[in-house]
C-alpha atoms as a PDB file:
ATOM      1  CA  UNK A   1     197.671 113.755 114.509  1.00  0.00           C
ATOM      2  CA  UNK A   2     197.404 115.422 117.879  1.00  0.00           C
ATOM      3  CA  UNK A   3     194.977 117.931 116.430  1.00  0.00           C
ATOM      4  CA  UNK A   4     192.872 115.159 114.897  1.00  0.00           C
ATOM      5  CA  UNK A   5     192.802 113.206 118.166  1.00  0.00           C
ATOM      6  CA  UNK A   6     191.826 116.312 120.096  1.00  0.00           C
ATOM      7  CA  UNK A   7     189.050 117.009 117.567  1.00  0.00           C
ATOM      8  CA  UNK A   8     187.767 113.424 117.829  1.00  0.00           C
ATOM      9  CA  UNK A   9     187.694 113.605 121.614  1.00  0.00           C
ATOM     10  CA  UNK A  10     185.858 116.911 121.391  1.00  0.00           C
ATOM     11  CA  UNK A  11     183.241 115.469 119.045  1.00  0.00           C
ATOM     12  CA  UNK A  12     182.743 112.454 121.290  1.00  0.00           C
ATOM     13  CA  UNK A  13     182.319 114.734 124.301  1.00  0.00           C
ATOM     14  CA  UNK A  14     179.792 116.906 122.469  1.00  0.00           C
ATOM     15  CA  UNK A  15     177.774 113.860 121.353  1.00  0.00           C
ATOM     16  CA  UNK A  16     177.872 112.385 124.853  1.00  0.00           C
ATOM     17  CA  UNK A  17     176.759 115.642 126.440  1.00  0.00           C
ATOM     18  CA  UNK A  18     174.006 116.005 123.843  1.00  0.00           C
ATOM     19  CA  UNK A  19     172.780 112.445 124.429  1.00  0.00           C
ATOM     20  CA  UNK A  20     172.815 112.974 128.178  1.00  0.00           C
ATOM     21  CA  UNK A  21     170.889 116.219 127.809  1.00  0.00           C
ATOM     22  CA  UNK A  22     168.309 114.451 125.618  1.00  0.00           C
ATOM     23  CA  UNK A  23     167.896 111.663 128.175  1.00  0.00           C
ATOM     24  CA  UNK A  24     167.575 114.156 130.986  1.00  0.00           C
ATOM     25  CA  UNK A  25     164.886 116.112 129.147  1.00  0.00           C
ATOM     26  CA  UNK A  26     162.768 112.998 128.474  1.00  0.00           C
ATOM     27  CA  UNK A  27     159.883 112.766 130.887  1.00  0.00           C
ATOM     28  CA  UNK A  28     156.266 111.731 131.152  1.00  0.00           C
ATOM     29  CA  UNK A  29     153.671 114.485 131.469  1.00  0.00           C
ATOM     30  CA  UNK A  30     150.026 113.744 132.214  1.00  0.00           C
ATOM     31  CA  UNK A  31     146.912 115.617 131.190  1.00  0.00           C
ATOM     32  CA  UNK A  32     143.348 114.979 132.471  1.00  0.00           C
ATOM     33  CA  UNK A  33     140.074 115.580 130.632  1.00  0.00           C
ATOM     34  CA  UNK A  34     136.367 114.668 130.493  1.00  0.00           C
ATOM     35  CA  UNK A  35     135.566 113.925 134.132  1.00  0.00           C
ATOM     36  CA  UNK A  36     132.024 112.500 134.438  1.00  0.00           C
ATOM     37  CA  UNK A  37     129.841 110.136 136.468  1.00  0.00           C
ATOM     38  CA  UNK A  38     127.403 107.318 135.750  1.00  0.00           C
ATOM     39  CA  UNK A  39     124.463 107.058 136.177  1.00  0.00           C
ATOM     40  CA  UNK A  40     123.757 110.650 135.235  1.00  0.00           C
ATOM     41  CA  UNK A  41     121.272 110.998 138.114  1.00  0.00           C
ATOM     42  CA  UNK A  42     122.378 109.510 141.420  1.00  0.00           C
ATOM     43  CA  UNK A  43     120.181 108.587 144.385  1.00  0.00           C
ATOM     44  CA  UNK A  44     121.217 108.118 148.015  1.00  0.00           C
ATOM     45  CA  UNK A  45     122.680 104.698 148.710  1.00  0.00           C
ATOM     46  CA  UNK A  46     123.379 103.944 145.056  1.00  0.00           C
ATOM     47  CA  UNK A  47     126.736 103.070 143.563  1.00  0.00           C
ATOM     48  CA  UNK A  48     128.126 105.743 141.253  1.00  0.00           C
ATOM     49  CA  UNK A  49     131.122 105.457 138.938  1.00  0.00           C
ATOM     50  CA  UNK A  50     133.320 108.525 138.459  1.00  0.00           C
ATOM     51  CA  UNK A  51     135.545 108.428 135.368  1.00  0.00           C
ATOM     52  CA  UNK A  52     138.248 110.628 133.868  1.00  0.00           C
ATOM     53  CA  UNK A  53     140.483 110.392 130.795  1.00  0.00           C
ATOM     54  CA  UNK A  54     144.251 110.659 131.322  1.00  0.00           C
ATOM     55  CA  UNK A  55     146.825 111.094 128.536  1.00  0.00           C
ATOM     56  CA  UNK A  56     150.605 111.047 128.573  1.00  0.00           C
ATOM     57  CA  UNK A  57     151.552 114.178 126.605  1.00  0.00           C
ATOM     58  CA  UNK A  58     155.244 113.806 127.479  1.00  0.00           C
ATOM     59  CA  UNK A  59     158.028 112.089 125.540  1.00  0.00           C
ATOM     60  CA  UNK A  60     158.716 109.179 127.910  1.00  0.00           C
ATOM     61  CA  UNK A  61     156.757 106.322 129.417  1.00  0.00           C
ATOM     62  CA  UNK A  62     155.674 106.885 133.002  1.00  0.00           C
ATOM     63  CA  UNK A  63     153.213 106.188 135.806  1.00  0.00           C
ATOM     64  CA  UNK A  64     150.731 108.408 137.588  1.00  0.00           C
ATOM     65  CA  UNK A  65     148.955 107.831 140.896  1.00  0.00           C
ATOM     66  CA  UNK A  66     145.426 109.126 140.289  1.00  0.00           C
ATOM     67  CA  UNK A  67     143.433 109.819 143.455  1.00  0.00           C
ATOM     68  CA  UNK A  68     139.679 110.223 143.763  1.00  0.00           C
ATOM     69  CA  UNK A  69     138.882 112.971 146.285  1.00  0.00           C
ATOM     70  CA  UNK A  70     135.378 113.683 147.599  1.00  0.00           C
ATOM     71  CA  UNK A  71     134.834 116.806 149.676  1.00  0.00           C
ATOM     72  CA  UNK A  72     138.600 117.067 150.230  1.00  0.00           C
ATOM     73  CA  UNK A  73     138.978 113.494 151.471  1.00  0.00           C
ATOM     74  CA  UNK A  74     141.081 110.977 149.555  1.00  0.00           C
ATOM     75  CA  UNK A  75     138.865 107.985 148.815  1.00  0.00           C
ATOM     76  CA  UNK A  76     140.895 105.741 146.507  1.00  0.00           C
ATOM     77  CA  UNK A  77     144.095 105.812 144.444  1.00  0.00           C
ATOM     78  CA  UNK A  78     144.820 103.944 141.226  1.00  0.00           C
ATOM     79  CA  UNK A  79     148.151 103.801 139.383  1.00  0.00           C
ATOM     80  CA  UNK A  80     148.145 104.071 135.607  1.00  0.00           C
ATOM     81  CA  UNK A  81     151.176 103.584 133.350  1.00  0.00           C
ATOM     82  CA  UNK A  82     151.186 105.185 129.910  1.00  0.00           C
ATOM     83  CA  UNK A  83     153.494 105.312 126.919  1.00  0.00           C
ATOM     84  CA  UNK A  84     154.048 108.671 125.196  1.00  0.00           C
ATOM     85  CA  UNK A  85     150.817 109.730 123.483  1.00  0.00           C
ATOM     86  CA  UNK A  86     148.814 106.928 125.109  1.00  0.00           C
ATOM     87  CA  UNK A  87     145.409 107.689 126.693  1.00  0.00           C
ATOM     88  CA  UNK A  88     143.322 105.643 129.122  1.00  0.00           C
ATOM     89  CA  UNK A  89     140.166 106.051 131.185  1.00  0.00           C
ATOM     90  CA  UNK A  90     140.261 105.580 134.953  1.00  0.00           C
ATOM     91  CA  UNK A  91     137.093 104.483 136.787  1.00  0.00           C
ATOM     92  CA  UNK A  92     136.314 104.784 140.508  1.00  0.00           C
ATOM     93  CA  UNK A  93     133.120 103.337 142.000  1.00  0.00           C
ATOM     94  CA  UNK A  94     131.754 104.607 145.326  1.00  0.00           C
ATOM     95  CA  UNK A  95     128.501 104.624 147.283  1.00  0.00           C
ATOM     96  CA  UNK A  96     127.149 107.881 148.732  1.00  0.00           C
ATOM     97  CA  UNK A  97     124.580 107.318 151.450  1.00  0.00           C
ATOM     98  CA  UNK A  98     123.304 110.862 151.985  1.00  0.00           C
ATOM     99  CA  UNK A  99     121.677 113.308 149.614  1.00  0.00           C
ATOM    100  CA  UNK A 100     123.446 116.586 148.869  1.00  0.00           C
ATOM    101  CA  UNK A 101     126.052 118.185 146.596  1.00  0.00           C
ATOM    102  CA  UNK A 102     129.563 116.706 146.613  1.00  0.00           C
ATOM    103  CA  UNK A 103     132.745 118.175 145.129  1.00  0.00           C
ATOM    104  CA  UNK A 104     134.582 115.366 143.359  1.00  0.00           C
ATOM    105  CA  UNK A 105     138.171 115.660 142.077  1.00  0.00           C
ATOM    106  CA  UNK A 106     140.598 113.488 140.102  1.00  0.00           C
ATOM    107  CA  UNK A 107     143.915 115.062 139.123  1.00  0.00           C
ATOM    108  CA  UNK A 108     143.174 118.690 138.275  1.00  0.00           C
ATOM    109  CA  UNK A 109     139.595 118.010 137.170  1.00  0.00           C
ATOM    110  CA  UNK A 110     136.553 118.535 139.396  1.00  0.00           C
ATOM    111  CA  UNK A 111     132.796 118.137 139.164  1.00  0.00           C
ATOM    112  CA  UNK A 112     129.809 118.677 141.433  1.00  0.00           C
ATOM    113  CA  UNK A 113     127.931 115.444 142.056  1.00  0.00           C
ATOM    114  CA  UNK A 114     124.315 115.872 143.186  1.00  0.00           C
ATOM    115  CA  UNK A 115     122.862 112.963 145.172  1.00  0.00           C
ATOM    116  CA  UNK A 116     119.059 112.949 145.297  1.00  0.00           C
ATOM    117  CA  UNK A 117     116.956 111.458 148.111  1.00  0.00           C
ATOM    118  CA  UNK A 118     115.298 108.104 147.448  1.00  0.00           C
ATOM    119  CA  UNK A 119     112.286 109.017 149.565  1.00  0.00           C
ATOM    120  CA  UNK A 120     110.604 112.399 149.338  1.00  0.00           C
ATOM    121  CA  UNK A 121     107.293 114.005 150.111  1.00  0.00           C
ATOM    122  CA  UNK A 122     104.934 113.366 147.220  1.00  0.00           C
ATOM    123  CA  UNK A 123     106.642 110.171 146.076  1.00  0.00           C
ATOM    124  CA  UNK A 124     104.123 107.485 145.182  1.00  0.00           C
ATOM    125  CA  UNK A 125     103.656 103.874 144.166  1.00  0.00           C
ATOM    126  CA  UNK A 126     100.549 102.569 142.425  1.00  0.00           C
ATOM    127  CA  UNK A 127      99.331  98.996 142.164  1.00  0.00           C
ATOM    128  CA  UNK A 128      96.721  97.777 139.705  1.00  0.00           C
ATOM    129  CA  UNK A 129      94.139  95.441 141.239  1.00  0.00           C
ATOM    130  CA  UNK A 130      91.903  93.103 139.285  1.00  0.00           C
ATOM    131  CA  UNK A 131      89.996  89.927 139.981  1.00  0.00           C
ATOM    132  CA  UNK A 132      86.637  88.322 140.778  1.00  0.00           C
ATOM    133  CA  UNK A 133      84.996  87.641 144.141  1.00  0.00           C
ATOM    134  CA  UNK A 134      81.786  85.611 144.121  1.00  0.00           C
ATOM    135  CA  UNK A 135      81.196  86.527 140.425  1.00  0.00           C
ATOM    136  CA  UNK A 136      81.632  90.235 141.276  1.00  0.00           C
ATOM    137  CA  UNK A 137      84.422  91.804 139.206  1.00  0.00           C
ATOM    138  CA  UNK A 138      87.175  93.658 141.056  1.00  0.00           C
ATOM    139  CA  UNK A 139      88.957  96.482 139.280  1.00  0.00           C
ATOM    140  CA  UNK A 140      90.830  99.382 140.828  1.00  0.00           C
ATOM    141  CA  UNK A 141      94.120 100.702 142.154  1.00  0.00           C
ATOM    142  CA  UNK A 142      95.994 101.039 145.415  1.00  0.00           C
ATOM    143  CA  UNK A 143      98.003 104.266 145.716  1.00  0.00           C
ATOM    144  CA  UNK A 144     100.758 104.635 148.284  1.00  0.00           C
ATOM    145  CA  UNK A 145     101.970 108.211 148.745  1.00  0.00           C
ATOM    146  CA  UNK A 146     104.633 109.576 151.072  1.00  0.00           C
ATOM    147  CA  UNK A 147     103.086 112.408 153.067  1.00  0.00           C
ATOM    148  CA  UNK A 148     105.909 113.074 155.557  1.00  0.00           C
ATOM    149  CA  UNK A 149     109.657 112.430 155.737  1.00  0.00           C
ATOM    150  CA  UNK A 150     111.887 112.807 158.809  1.00  0.00           C
ATOM    151  CA  UNK A 151     115.518 111.906 159.471  1.00  0.00           C
ATOM    152  CA  UNK A 152     114.524 108.434 160.682  1.00  0.00           C
ATOM    153  CA  UNK A 153     111.056 107.650 159.330  1.00  0.00           C
ATOM    154  CA  UNK A 154     108.603 108.329 156.557  1.00  0.00           C
ATOM    155  CA  UNK A 155     104.811 108.174 156.571  1.00  0.00           C
ATOM    156  CA  UNK A 156     102.731 106.656 153.788  1.00  0.00           C
ATOM    157  CA  UNK A 157      99.037 107.037 153.080  1.00  0.00           C
ATOM    158  CA  UNK A 158      97.331 104.094 151.393  1.00  0.00           C
ATOM    159  CA  UNK A 159      94.330 105.017 149.243  1.00  0.00           C
ATOM    160  CA  UNK A 160      92.280 102.286 147.527  1.00  0.00           C
ATOM    161  CA  UNK A 161      90.354 103.406 144.462  1.00  0.00           C
ATOM    162  CA  UNK A 162      87.474 101.269 143.207  1.00  0.00           C
ATOM    163  CA  UNK A 163      88.054  98.500 145.769  1.00  0.00           C
ATOM    164  CA  UNK A 164      85.113  98.411 148.216  1.00  0.00           C
ATOM    165  CA  UNK A 165      86.613  95.961 150.741  1.00  0.00           C
ATOM    166  CA  UNK A 166      89.695  98.126 151.431  1.00  0.00           C
ATOM    167  CA  UNK A 167      89.732 101.278 153.548  1.00  0.00           C
ATOM    168  CA  UNK A 168      92.279 104.128 153.484  1.00  0.00           C
ATOM    169  CA  UNK A 169      94.988 103.968 156.131  1.00  0.00           C
ATOM    170  CA  UNK A 170      98.275 105.580 157.114  1.00  0.00           C
ATOM    171  CA  UNK A 171     101.463 103.835 158.242  1.00  0.00           C
ATOM    172  CA  UNK A 172     104.940 104.943 159.287  1.00  0.00           C
ATOM    173  CA  UNK A 173     108.053 103.078 158.163  1.00  0.00           C
ATOM    174  CA  UNK A 174     111.716 103.286 159.107  1.00  0.00           C
ATOM    175  CA  UNK A 175     114.145 104.759 156.612  1.00  0.00           C
ATOM    176  CA  UNK A 176     115.519 101.889 154.569  1.00  0.00           C
ATOM    177  CA  UNK A 177     112.297  99.901 154.946  1.00  0.00           C
ATOM    178  CA  UNK A 178     110.180  99.795 151.804  1.00  0.00           C
ATOM    179  CA  UNK A 179     106.445 100.422 152.055  1.00  0.00           C
ATOM    180  CA  UNK A 180     104.558  97.115 151.907  1.00  0.00           C
ATOM    181  CA  UNK A 181     107.770  95.265 152.725  1.00  0.00           C
ATOM    182  CA  UNK A 182     106.027  93.963 155.843  1.00  0.00           C
ATOM    183  CA  UNK A 183     103.761  91.710 153.786  1.00  0.00           C
ATOM    184  CA  UNK A 184     104.094  88.414 155.573  1.00  0.00           C
ATOM    185  CA  UNK A 185     105.828  85.586 153.762  1.00  0.00           C
ATOM    186  CA  UNK A 186     105.984  83.501 156.926  1.00  0.00           C
ATOM    187  CA  UNK A 187     105.051  79.922 156.172  1.00  0.00           C
ATOM    188  CA  UNK A 188     105.397  80.438 152.425  1.00  0.00           C
ATOM    189  CA  UNK A 189     107.686  78.229 150.350  1.00  0.00           C
ATOM    190  CA  UNK A 190     110.598  79.956 148.653  1.00  0.00           C
ATOM    191  CA  UNK A 191     110.573  78.958 144.988  1.00  0.00           C
ATOM    192  CA  UNK A 192     113.754  80.728 143.878  1.00  0.00           C
ATOM    193  CA  UNK A 193     114.643  83.750 141.750  1.00  0.00           C
ATOM    194  CA  UNK A 194     112.883  84.658 138.525  1.00  0.00           C
ATOM    195  CA  UNK A 195     112.943  87.462 135.976  1.00  0.00           C
ATOM    196  CA  UNK A 196     109.494  89.006 135.660  1.00  0.00           C
ATOM    197  CA  UNK A 197     108.247  91.767 133.388  1.00  0.00           C
ATOM    198  CA  UNK A 198     106.744  94.774 135.179  1.00  0.00           C
ATOM    199  CA  UNK A 199     105.915  98.408 134.470  1.00  0.00           C
ATOM    200  CA  UNK A 200     109.339  99.173 135.976  1.00  0.00           C
ATOM    201  CA  UNK A 201     111.007  96.929 133.412  1.00  0.00           C
ATOM    202  CA  UNK A 202     112.313  93.392 133.809  1.00  0.00           C
ATOM    203  CA  UNK A 203     113.104  92.770 137.473  1.00  0.00           C
ATOM    204  CA  UNK A 204     114.859  90.002 139.346  1.00  0.00           C
ATOM    205  CA  UNK A 205     112.254  88.742 141.806  1.00  0.00           C
ATOM    206  CA  UNK A 206     112.131  86.389 144.791  1.00  0.00           C
ATOM    207  CA  UNK A 207     109.197  84.019 144.323  1.00  0.00           C
ATOM    208  CA  UNK A 208     107.209  82.702 147.308  1.00  0.00           C
ATOM    209  CA  UNK A 209     104.293  80.252 147.078  1.00  0.00           C
ATOM    210  CA  UNK A 210     101.672  78.959 149.468  1.00  0.00           C
ATOM    211  CA  UNK A 211      98.717  76.568 149.259  1.00  0.00           C
ATOM    212  CA  UNK A 212      95.967  76.548 151.875  1.00  0.00           C
ATOM    213  CA  UNK A 213      93.573  73.592 151.847  1.00  0.00           C
ATOM    214  CA  UNK A 214      90.144  74.016 153.485  1.00  0.00           C
ATOM    215  CA  UNK A 215      86.797  72.266 153.274  1.00  0.00           C
ATOM    216  CA  UNK A 216      85.744  74.630 150.514  1.00  0.00           C
ATOM    217  CA  UNK A 217      88.817  74.048 148.367  1.00  0.00           C
ATOM    218  CA  UNK A 218      92.453  75.053 147.871  1.00  0.00           C
ATOM    219  CA  UNK A 219      93.770  78.602 147.750  1.00  0.00           C
ATOM    220  CA  UNK A 220      97.048  79.181 145.934  1.00  0.00           C
ATOM    221  CA  UNK A 221      99.019  82.390 146.516  1.00  0.00           C
ATOM    222  CA  UNK A 222     102.206  83.643 144.871  1.00  0.00           C
ATOM    223  CA  UNK A 223     104.293  86.653 145.900  1.00  0.00           C
ATOM    224  CA  UNK A 224     107.039  88.144 143.729  1.00  0.00           C
ATOM    225  CA  UNK A 225     109.325  90.484 145.676  1.00  0.00           C
ATOM    226  CA  UNK A 226     112.031  92.620 144.061  1.00  0.00           C
ATOM    227  CA  UNK A 227     115.407  91.138 144.950  1.00  0.00           C
ATOM    228  CA  UNK A 228     117.207  94.478 145.383  1.00  0.00           C
ATOM    229  CA  UNK A 229     114.600  96.694 147.053  1.00  0.00           C
ATOM    230  CA  UNK A 230     112.324  94.037 148.637  1.00  0.00           C
ATOM    231  CA  UNK A 231     109.442  95.894 147.016  1.00  0.00           C
ATOM    232  CA  UNK A 232     106.397  93.688 146.297  1.00  0.00           C
ATOM    233  CA  UNK A 233     106.022  93.560 142.537  1.00  0.00           C
ATOM    234  CA  UNK A 234     103.200  91.088 142.054  1.00  0.00           C
ATOM    235  CA  UNK A 235     100.743  89.101 144.178  1.00  0.00           C
ATOM    236  CA  UNK A 236      98.369  86.531 142.740  1.00  0.00           C
ATOM    237  CA  UNK A 237      95.862  84.454 144.661  1.00  0.00           C
ATOM    238  CA  UNK A 238      93.283  81.994 143.382  1.00  0.00           C
ATOM    239  CA  UNK A 239      90.716  79.871 145.196  1.00  0.00           C
ATOM    240  CA  UNK A 240      87.153  78.631 145.030  1.00  0.00           C
ATOM    241  CA  UNK A 241      84.957  81.420 143.705  1.00  0.00           C
ATOM    242  CA  UNK A 242      87.661  84.104 143.540  1.00  0.00           C
ATOM    243  CA  UNK A 243      90.959  85.234 142.087  1.00  0.00           C
ATOM    244  CA  UNK A 244      92.887  88.461 142.579  1.00  0.00           C
ATOM    245  CA  UNK A 245      95.986  89.986 141.053  1.00  0.00           C
ATOM    246  CA  UNK A 246      97.830  92.992 142.498  1.00  0.00           C
ATOM    247  CA  UNK A 247     100.633  94.305 140.298  1.00  0.00           C
ATOM    248  CA  UNK A 248     102.834  97.388 140.466  1.00  0.00           C
ATOM    249  CA  UNK A 249     101.817  99.816 137.732  1.00  0.00           C
ATOM    250  CA  UNK A 250     103.366 103.260 138.286  1.00  0.00           C
ATOM    251  CA  UNK A 251     105.774 105.336 140.388  1.00  0.00           C
ATOM    252  CA  UNK A 252     107.553 108.695 140.269  1.00  0.00           C
ATOM    253  CA  UNK A 253     110.593 107.308 142.139  1.00  0.00           C
ATOM    254  CA  UNK A 254     113.046 107.114 139.245  1.00  0.00           C
ATOM    255  CA  UNK A 255     115.559 104.878 141.028  1.00  0.00           C
ATOM    256  CA  UNK A 256     112.987 102.077 141.120  1.00  0.00           C
ATOM    257  CA  UNK A 257     112.836 102.050 137.316  1.00  0.00           C
ATOM    258  CA  UNK A 258     116.469 101.040 136.935  1.00  0.00           C
END
């Protein structure tokens, strides 16, 4: 009996030690993959989302504090909890104000994020102009082209093509101020927000309206200004003996097409 009792105790001890060893060897282990950013091309001042996949390749549930690092600086940390074999995607959204190349890291994964300038020499906007003035048809374009960019300002040349009553001119704007954004809406009635179809796609626009009554009749004018960029998208004016429509038609600034 003593031998049997001793054997039973020994078996219990072995099982207990084995169970303890199994518990002690259970742990979560995390693996990162597929770091990427969206949109694929990022412009200064835009929001960009950096994502990475994380998987628990261990044999126990656990948590991981994932930190987004940009140029060696911790920007944000998110905690993710995963069961064994479970995989999730972590998203971080940031805004980078200056152009350049940035080293971005989450976990042990890195990527180089290139931020392109919004304004650059050779960038242009074109507006299509059509209408009638005293039975004379109006048809042409207005081209705005950036001819110089400094740290604080940029200079735009305005070239009318096929519009006899407009002359070429050059203006300088502050960074962050959109060319033509100084079109006066003073005294105009704000009509609200509208979705309008343009060559840049469907845009959310701020609509302003004005009516001027004179002895010769009433002139009605409508401005549609892009809500996000304050870029004039469309201007229409109609009065006695004339009407004119100026509408954005082309640009090589890709960020405006989003």
